[in-house]
Amino acid sequence: MMTFHVGQVLEGVVTGIQPYGAFVQLDDKHQGLIHISECRSAFIHEIEDEIKVGEPIRVMILDIDLYSHKISLSRRTVLDGYAEAPLDIENIKQGHKYIQHHYWTNQHLEIGFDTISKSGQSMISEALERLHQ
């Protein structure tokens, strides 16, 4: 049995796609969800444009709900290089005392608006291009 933790980066396989995100099989018994906002740091019109069912994919665990055991994943943090950033390990080490809330961005990383400043111009260009289609 594999033990997962917030901040862990691993490879899974995309098993399903919905308008709101993609399901990823992490091992024989566990799967997680990449919300559409965590696919990449830009506007995504259709999630199928980004990832496909059956595709192997590297993801970071953002949250594990203590009650439902649902696992929230991010592809964006891996693509943007934040998967290598140091985490606030002291909070994670508290185990069951660690209060987990549902965030779509990993609250242990100090990213701020960094991704917007890095990819803002490409997002604007993409939006303008779509506007003129």
N, C-alpha and C. Protein backbone atom coordinates (compact mmCIF):
# COMPACT_ATOMS: atom_id res chain seq x y z
N MET A 1 0.84 -1.19 0.00
CA MET A 1 0.00 0.00 0.00
C MET A 1 0.88 1.24 0.00
N MET A 2 0.56 2.16 -0.86
CA MET A 2 1.35 3.38 -0.99
C MET A 2 0.77 4.47 -0.08
N THR A 3 1.64 5.20 0.58
CA THR A 3 1.23 6.32 1.40
C THR A 3 1.51 7.60 0.64
N PHE A 4 0.49 8.43 0.52
CA PHE A 4 0.62 9.69 -0.20
C PHE A 4 0.72 10.84 0.79
N HIS A 5 1.34 11.94 0.35
CA HIS A 5 1.41 13.13 1.19
C HIS A 5 1.36 14.38 0.31
N VAL A 6 0.91 15.47 0.91
CA VAL A 6 0.83 16.75 0.22
C VAL A 6 2.24 17.15 -0.23
N GLY A 7 2.36 17.58 -1.47
CA GLY A 7 3.64 18.00 -2.02
C GLY A 7 4.36 16.91 -2.78
N GLN A 8 3.89 15.69 -2.67
CA GLN A 8 4.52 14.55 -3.37
C GLN A 8 4.30 14.68 -4.87
N VAL A 9 5.34 14.43 -5.64
CA VAL A 9 5.26 14.43 -7.10
C VAL A 9 5.37 12.99 -7.56
N LEU A 10 4.43 12.56 -8.41
CA LEU A 10 4.44 11.20 -8.90
C LEU A 10 3.82 11.14 -10.29
N GLU A 11 3.96 9.98 -10.90
CA GLU A 11 3.41 9.79 -12.24
C GLU A 11 2.18 8.90 -12.14
N GLY A 12 1.15 9.29 -12.88
CA GLY A 12 -0.07 8.51 -12.96
C GLY A 12 -0.51 8.41 -14.40
N VAL A 13 -1.71 7.88 -14.61
CA VAL A 13 -2.26 7.73 -15.95
C VAL A 13 -3.65 8.36 -15.95
N VAL A 14 -3.92 9.19 -16.94
CA VAL A 14 -5.22 9.83 -17.08
C VAL A 14 -6.25 8.76 -17.42
N THR A 15 -7.32 8.67 -16.59
CA THR A 15 -8.34 7.64 -16.80
C THR A 15 -9.68 8.20 -17.24
N GLY A 16 -9.87 9.49 -17.05
CA GLY A 16 -11.15 10.08 -17.45
C GLY A 16 -11.04 11.59 -17.50
N ILE A 17 -11.87 12.19 -18.36
CA ILE A 17 -11.87 13.64 -18.52
C ILE A 17 -13.31 14.14 -18.43
N GLN A 18 -13.49 15.18 -17.65
CA GLN A 18 -14.77 15.87 -17.51
C GLN A 18 -14.52 17.35 -17.80
N PRO A 19 -15.56 18.14 -18.04
CA PRO A 19 -15.34 19.57 -18.32
C PRO A 19 -14.60 20.31 -17.20
N TYR A 20 -14.69 19.82 -15.97
CA TYR A 20 -14.07 20.48 -14.82
C TYR A 20 -12.67 19.96 -14.49
N GLY A 21 -12.23 18.86 -15.10
CA GLY A 21 -10.91 18.34 -14.78
C GLY A 21 -10.69 16.93 -15.29
N ALA A 22 -9.56 16.36 -14.87
CA ALA A 22 -9.18 15.02 -15.33
C ALA A 22 -8.88 14.12 -14.14
N PHE A 23 -9.30 12.87 -14.25
CA PHE A 23 -9.02 11.88 -13.23
C PHE A 23 -7.74 11.14 -13.58
N VAL A 24 -6.91 10.92 -12.56
CA VAL A 24 -5.61 10.29 -12.75
C VAL A 24 -5.49 9.10 -11.80
N GLN A 25 -5.18 7.93 -12.36
CA GLN A 25 -4.95 6.74 -11.55
C GLN A 25 -3.53 6.82 -11.01
N LEU A 26 -3.37 6.78 -9.69
CA LEU A 26 -2.06 6.92 -9.06
C LEU A 26 -1.42 5.58 -8.73
N ASP A 27 -2.24 4.61 -8.37
CA ASP A 27 -1.78 3.24 -8.15
C ASP A 27 -3.00 2.33 -8.32
N ASP A 28 -2.91 1.09 -7.89
CA ASP A 28 -4.01 0.14 -8.10
C ASP A 28 -5.31 0.55 -7.42
N LYS A 29 -5.22 1.30 -6.32
CA LYS A 29 -6.42 1.61 -5.52
C LYS A 29 -6.75 3.10 -5.44
N HIS A 30 -5.86 3.97 -5.87
CA HIS A 30 -6.06 5.40 -5.65
C HIS A 30 -6.06 6.19 -6.95
N GLN A 31 -6.97 7.16 -6.98
CA GLN A 31 -6.97 8.10 -8.08
C GLN A 31 -7.17 9.50 -7.51
N GLY A 32 -6.83 10.49 -8.30
CA GLY A 32 -7.00 11.87 -7.89
C GLY A 32 -7.57 12.68 -9.03
N LEU A 33 -7.86 13.94 -8.75
CA LEU A 33 -8.44 14.83 -9.75
C LEU A 33 -7.56 16.05 -9.96
N ILE A 34 -7.29 16.33 -11.22
CA ILE A 34 -6.64 17.60 -11.59
C ILE A 34 -7.77 18.53 -12.01
N HIS A 35 -8.02 19.57 -11.22
CA HIS A 35 -9.03 20.56 -11.62
C HIS A 35 -8.50 21.28 -12.85
N ILE A 36 -9.40 21.72 -13.72
CA ILE A 36 -9.00 22.38 -14.96
C ILE A 36 -8.06 23.55 -14.70
N SER A 37 -8.23 24.24 -13.58
CA SER A 37 -7.36 25.38 -13.25
C SER A 37 -5.95 24.95 -12.89
N GLU A 38 -5.73 23.67 -12.63
CA GLU A 38 -4.40 23.16 -12.27
C GLU A 38 -3.74 22.40 -13.42
N CYS A 39 -4.30 22.50 -14.63
CA CYS A 39 -3.69 21.82 -15.78
C CYS A 39 -2.47 22.57 -16.30
N ARG A 40 -2.57 23.87 -16.43
CA ARG A 40 -1.43 24.71 -16.83
C ARG A 40 -1.73 26.15 -16.47
N SER A 41 -0.71 26.99 -16.51
CA SER A 41 -0.85 28.40 -16.12
C SER A 41 -1.30 29.25 -17.31
N ALA A 42 -2.48 29.00 -17.79
CA ALA A 42 -3.05 29.77 -18.90
C ALA A 42 -4.51 29.38 -19.03
N PHE A 43 -5.23 30.12 -19.86
CA PHE A 43 -6.62 29.81 -20.12
C PHE A 43 -6.70 28.48 -20.87
N ILE A 44 -7.63 27.65 -20.45
CA ILE A 44 -7.85 26.37 -21.12
C ILE A 44 -9.31 26.33 -21.56
N HIS A 45 -9.52 26.28 -22.85
CA HIS A 45 -10.88 26.24 -23.38
C HIS A 45 -11.48 24.85 -23.20
N GLU A 46 -10.77 23.85 -23.64
CA GLU A 46 -11.20 22.45 -23.53
C GLU A 46 -10.06 21.66 -22.91
N ILE A 47 -10.36 20.92 -21.86
CA ILE A 47 -9.32 20.15 -21.19
C ILE A 47 -8.73 19.08 -22.11
N GLU A 48 -9.54 18.61 -23.07
CA GLU A 48 -9.06 17.61 -24.02
C GLU A 48 -7.95 18.15 -24.93
N ASP A 49 -7.84 19.48 -25.02
CA ASP A 49 -6.75 20.09 -25.78
C ASP A 49 -5.41 19.94 -25.06
N GLU A 50 -5.46 19.69 -23.76
CA GLU A 50 -4.26 19.64 -22.93
C GLU A 50 -3.79 18.21 -22.64
N ILE A 51 -4.72 17.35 -22.30
CA ILE A 51 -4.37 15.98 -21.91
C ILE A 51 -5.37 14.99 -22.50
N LYS A 52 -4.94 13.75 -22.62
CA LYS A 52 -5.76 12.70 -23.23
C LYS A 52 -5.87 11.50 -22.29
N VAL A 53 -6.98 10.79 -22.39
CA VAL A 53 -7.17 9.56 -21.63
C VAL A 53 -6.09 8.56 -22.05
N GLY A 54 -5.50 7.90 -21.07
CA GLY A 54 -4.44 6.92 -21.32
C GLY A 54 -3.04 7.52 -21.27
N GLU A 55 -2.95 8.83 -21.22
CA GLU A 55 -1.66 9.52 -21.21
C GLU A 55 -1.00 9.43 -19.83
N PRO A 56 0.29 9.06 -19.77
CA PRO A 56 1.01 9.15 -18.50
C PRO A 56 1.24 10.63 -18.18
N ILE A 57 1.16 10.97 -16.91
CA ILE A 57 1.24 12.38 -16.54
C ILE A 57 1.89 12.54 -15.17
N ARG A 58 2.78 13.52 -15.04
CA ARG A 58 3.41 13.84 -13.75
C ARG A 58 2.56 14.90 -13.04
N VAL A 59 2.28 14.65 -11.77
CA VAL A 59 1.43 15.54 -11.00
C VAL A 59 1.98 15.73 -9.59
N MET A 60 1.54 16.79 -8.94
CA MET A 60 1.86 17.04 -7.53
C MET A 60 0.57 16.94 -6.73
N ILE A 61 0.65 16.32 -5.56
CA ILE A 61 -0.51 16.25 -4.68
C ILE A 61 -0.64 17.58 -3.95
N LEU A 62 -1.81 18.24 -4.14
CA LEU A 62 -2.08 19.51 -3.49
C LEU A 62 -2.80 19.34 -2.17
N ASP A 63 -3.69 18.35 -2.11
CA ASP A 63 -4.51 18.18 -0.93
C ASP A 63 -5.03 16.76 -0.86
N ILE A 64 -5.16 16.26 0.34
CA ILE A 64 -5.82 14.97 0.58
C ILE A 64 -6.87 15.25 1.64
N ASP A 65 -8.13 15.14 1.27
CA ASP A 65 -9.21 15.40 2.20
C ASP A 65 -9.21 14.33 3.28
N LEU A 66 -9.18 14.73 4.52
CA LEU A 66 -9.08 13.79 5.63
C LEU A 66 -10.30 12.91 5.79
N TYR A 67 -11.46 13.38 5.36
CA TYR A 67 -12.70 12.62 5.55
C TYR A 67 -13.06 11.78 4.34
N SER A 68 -13.02 12.38 3.16
CA SER A 68 -13.41 11.65 1.96
C SER A 68 -12.23 10.93 1.31
N HIS A 69 -11.02 11.30 1.69
CA HIS A 69 -9.77 10.76 1.13
C HIS A 69 -9.60 11.11 -0.35
N LYS A 70 -10.33 12.12 -0.82
CA LYS A 70 -10.15 12.57 -2.20
C LYS A 70 -8.82 13.28 -2.32
N ILE A 71 -8.14 13.03 -3.45
CA ILE A 71 -6.80 13.57 -3.67
C ILE A 71 -6.88 14.63 -4.77
N SER A 72 -6.47 15.85 -4.45
CA SER A 72 -6.43 16.94 -5.42
C SER A 72 -5.01 17.02 -5.99
N LEU A 73 -4.93 17.10 -7.31
CA LEU A 73 -3.65 17.06 -8.00
C LEU A 73 -3.41 18.34 -8.81
N SER A 74 -2.14 18.58 -9.14
CA SER A 74 -1.77 19.70 -10.00
C SER A 74 -0.74 19.26 -11.03
N ARG A 75 -1.01 19.58 -12.27
CA ARG A 75 -0.02 19.40 -13.33
C ARG A 75 0.74 20.71 -13.52
N ARG A 76 0.06 21.82 -13.23
CA ARG A 76 0.62 23.16 -13.41
C ARG A 76 1.87 23.36 -12.58
N THR A 77 1.87 22.92 -11.33
CA THR A 77 3.04 23.11 -10.48
C THR A 77 4.24 22.33 -11.00
N VAL A 78 3.99 21.18 -11.61
CA VAL A 78 5.08 20.38 -12.18
C VAL A 78 5.61 21.07 -13.44
N LEU A 79 4.72 21.50 -14.33
CA LEU A 79 5.13 22.15 -15.57
C LEU A 79 5.88 23.45 -15.31
N ASP A 80 5.45 24.20 -14.30
CA ASP A 80 6.07 25.50 -14.00
C ASP A 80 7.32 25.37 -13.14
N GLY A 81 7.68 24.15 -12.75
CA GLY A 81 8.90 23.95 -11.98
C GLY A 81 8.75 24.12 -10.49
N TYR A 82 7.54 24.29 -9.99
CA TYR A 82 7.35 24.47 -8.56
C TYR A 82 7.36 23.16 -7.80
N ALA A 83 7.35 22.06 -8.50
CA ALA A 83 7.40 20.76 -7.83
C ALA A 83 8.73 20.56 -7.12
N GLU A 84 9.72 21.31 -7.52
CA GLU A 84 11.05 21.20 -6.90
C GLU A 84 11.24 22.19 -5.76
N ALA A 85 10.24 23.08 -5.52
CA ALA A 85 10.37 24.10 -4.48
C ALA A 85 10.25 23.46 -3.10
N PRO A 86 10.94 24.03 -2.10
CA PRO A 86 10.85 23.46 -0.75
C PRO A 86 9.46 23.69 -0.16
N LEU A 87 8.97 22.71 0.59
CA LEU A 87 7.66 22.80 1.24
C LEU A 87 7.84 23.20 2.70
N ASP A 88 6.76 23.64 3.32
CA ASP A 88 6.73 23.93 4.74
C ASP A 88 6.55 22.59 5.47
N ILE A 89 7.64 21.88 5.64
CA ILE A 89 7.61 20.51 6.17
C ILE A 89 7.11 20.46 7.60
N GLU A 90 7.34 21.47 8.40
CA GLU A 90 6.90 21.44 9.79
C GLU A 90 5.39 21.27 9.90
N ASN A 91 4.63 21.94 9.04
CA ASN A 91 3.18 21.77 9.05
C ASN A 91 2.79 20.37 8.59
N ILE A 92 3.48 19.85 7.60
CA ILE A 92 3.16 18.54 7.07
C ILE A 92 3.48 17.45 8.10
N LYS A 93 4.55 17.60 8.87
CA LYS A 93 4.97 16.59 9.84
C LYS A 93 3.98 16.42 10.99
N GLN A 94 3.08 17.37 11.18
CA GLN A 94 2.14 17.27 12.29
C GLN A 94 1.10 16.18 12.07
N GLY A 95 1.10 15.56 10.90
CA GLY A 95 0.23 14.42 10.64
C GLY A 95 -1.23 14.73 10.82
N HIS A 96 -1.89 13.96 11.70
CA HIS A 96 -3.33 14.13 11.88
C HIS A 96 -3.69 15.48 12.49
N LYS A 97 -2.74 16.16 13.12
CA LYS A 97 -3.01 17.48 13.67
C LYS A 97 -3.01 18.55 12.59
N TYR A 98 -2.46 18.21 11.45
CA TYR A 98 -2.36 19.16 10.35
C TYR A 98 -3.74 19.37 9.74
N ILE A 99 -4.24 20.57 9.78
CA ILE A 99 -5.57 20.87 9.25
C ILE A 99 -5.46 21.12 7.76
N GLN A 100 -6.13 20.29 6.99
CA GLN A 100 -6.11 20.44 5.55
C GLN A 100 -7.41 21.07 5.07
N HIS A 101 -7.28 22.10 4.30
CA HIS A 101 -8.41 22.75 3.67
C HIS A 101 -8.26 22.57 2.18
N HIS A 102 -9.35 22.69 1.47
CA HIS A 102 -9.31 22.48 0.02
C HIS A 102 -8.88 23.76 -0.68
N TYR A 103 -7.72 23.73 -1.31
CA TYR A 103 -7.21 24.83 -2.12
C TYR A 103 -6.91 24.30 -3.50
N TRP A 104 -7.06 25.13 -4.51
CA TRP A 104 -6.70 24.70 -5.87
C TRP A 104 -5.26 25.03 -6.17
N THR A 105 -4.58 25.69 -5.26
CA THR A 105 -3.15 25.94 -5.38
C THR A 105 -2.51 25.46 -4.09
N ASN A 106 -1.36 24.88 -4.16
CA ASN A 106 -0.70 24.33 -2.99
C ASN A 106 -0.31 25.46 -2.04
N GLN A 107 -0.92 25.51 -0.87
CA GLN A 107 -0.66 26.58 0.08
C GLN A 107 0.72 26.48 0.73
N HIS A 108 1.44 25.39 0.49
CA HIS A 108 2.77 25.23 1.06
C HIS A 108 3.86 25.86 0.19
N LEU A 109 3.50 26.21 -1.03
CA LEU A 109 4.46 26.83 -1.93
C LEU A 109 4.27 28.33 -1.92
N GLU A 110 5.35 29.05 -1.99
CA GLU A 110 5.25 30.51 -2.02
C GLU A 110 5.39 30.98 -3.46
N ILE A 111 4.32 30.77 -4.23
CA ILE A 111 4.32 31.11 -5.64
C ILE A 111 3.85 32.54 -5.86
N GLY A 112 2.79 32.95 -5.14
CA GLY A 112 2.22 34.27 -5.34
C GLY A 112 1.74 34.44 -6.76
N PHE A 113 2.04 35.59 -7.35
CA PHE A 113 1.63 35.88 -8.72
C PHE A 113 2.74 35.56 -9.71
N ASP A 114 3.70 34.78 -9.29
CA ASP A 114 4.85 34.45 -10.12
C ASP A 114 4.45 33.84 -11.46
N THR A 115 3.50 32.91 -11.45
CA THR A 115 3.10 32.27 -12.71
C THR A 115 2.44 33.25 -13.65
N ILE A 116 1.71 34.23 -13.11
CA ILE A 116 1.08 35.23 -13.97
C ILE A 116 2.15 36.10 -14.62
N SER A 117 3.16 36.50 -13.85
CA SER A 117 4.21 37.34 -14.43
C SER A 117 5.02 36.60 -15.48
N LYS A 118 5.19 35.29 -15.30
CA LYS A 118 5.95 34.50 -16.26
C LYS A 118 5.17 34.19 -17.53
N SER A 119 3.87 33.93 -17.40
CA SER A 119 3.11 33.50 -18.57
C SER A 119 1.99 34.47 -18.94
N GLY A 120 1.95 35.62 -18.31
CA GLY A 120 0.89 36.59 -18.56
C GLY A 120 0.80 37.01 -20.02
N GLN A 121 1.94 37.33 -20.62
CA GLN A 121 1.93 37.80 -22.00
C GLN A 121 1.44 36.71 -22.96
N SER A 122 1.85 35.47 -22.72
CA SER A 122 1.39 34.39 -23.60
C SER A 122 -0.11 34.15 -23.42
N MET A 123 -0.63 34.32 -22.19
CA MET A 123 -2.07 34.17 -21.97
C MET A 123 -2.84 35.27 -22.70
N ILE A 124 -2.33 36.50 -22.65
CA ILE A 124 -2.98 37.62 -23.35
C ILE A 124 -2.96 37.38 -24.85
N SER A 125 -1.82 36.96 -25.37
CA SER A 125 -1.71 36.68 -26.81
C SER A 125 -2.67 35.59 -27.24
N GLU A 126 -2.77 34.54 -26.44
CA GLU A 126 -3.68 33.43 -26.76
C GLU A 126 -5.13 33.90 -26.74
N ALA A 127 -5.48 34.74 -25.76
CA ALA A 127 -6.86 35.25 -25.67
C ALA A 127 -7.19 36.14 -26.86
N LEU A 128 -6.25 37.00 -27.26
CA LEU A 128 -6.48 37.88 -28.41
C LEU A 128 -6.61 37.07 -29.70
N GLU A 129 -5.80 36.03 -29.82
CA GLU A 129 -5.87 35.17 -30.98
C GLU A 129 -7.24 34.48 -31.08
N ARG A 130 -7.73 33.99 -29.94
CA ARG A 130 -9.04 33.34 -29.93
C ARG A 130 -10.16 34.34 -30.24
N LEU A 131 -9.98 35.58 -29.79
CA LEU A 131 -10.97 36.63 -30.00
C LEU A 131 -11.12 36.93 -31.50
N HIS A 132 -10.03 36.86 -32.23
CA HIS A 132 -10.03 37.19 -33.65
C HIS A 132 -10.36 36.00 -34.54
N GLN A 133 -10.64 34.85 -33.97
CA GLN A 133 -10.98 33.66 -34.78
C GLN A 133 -12.40 33.71 -35.24
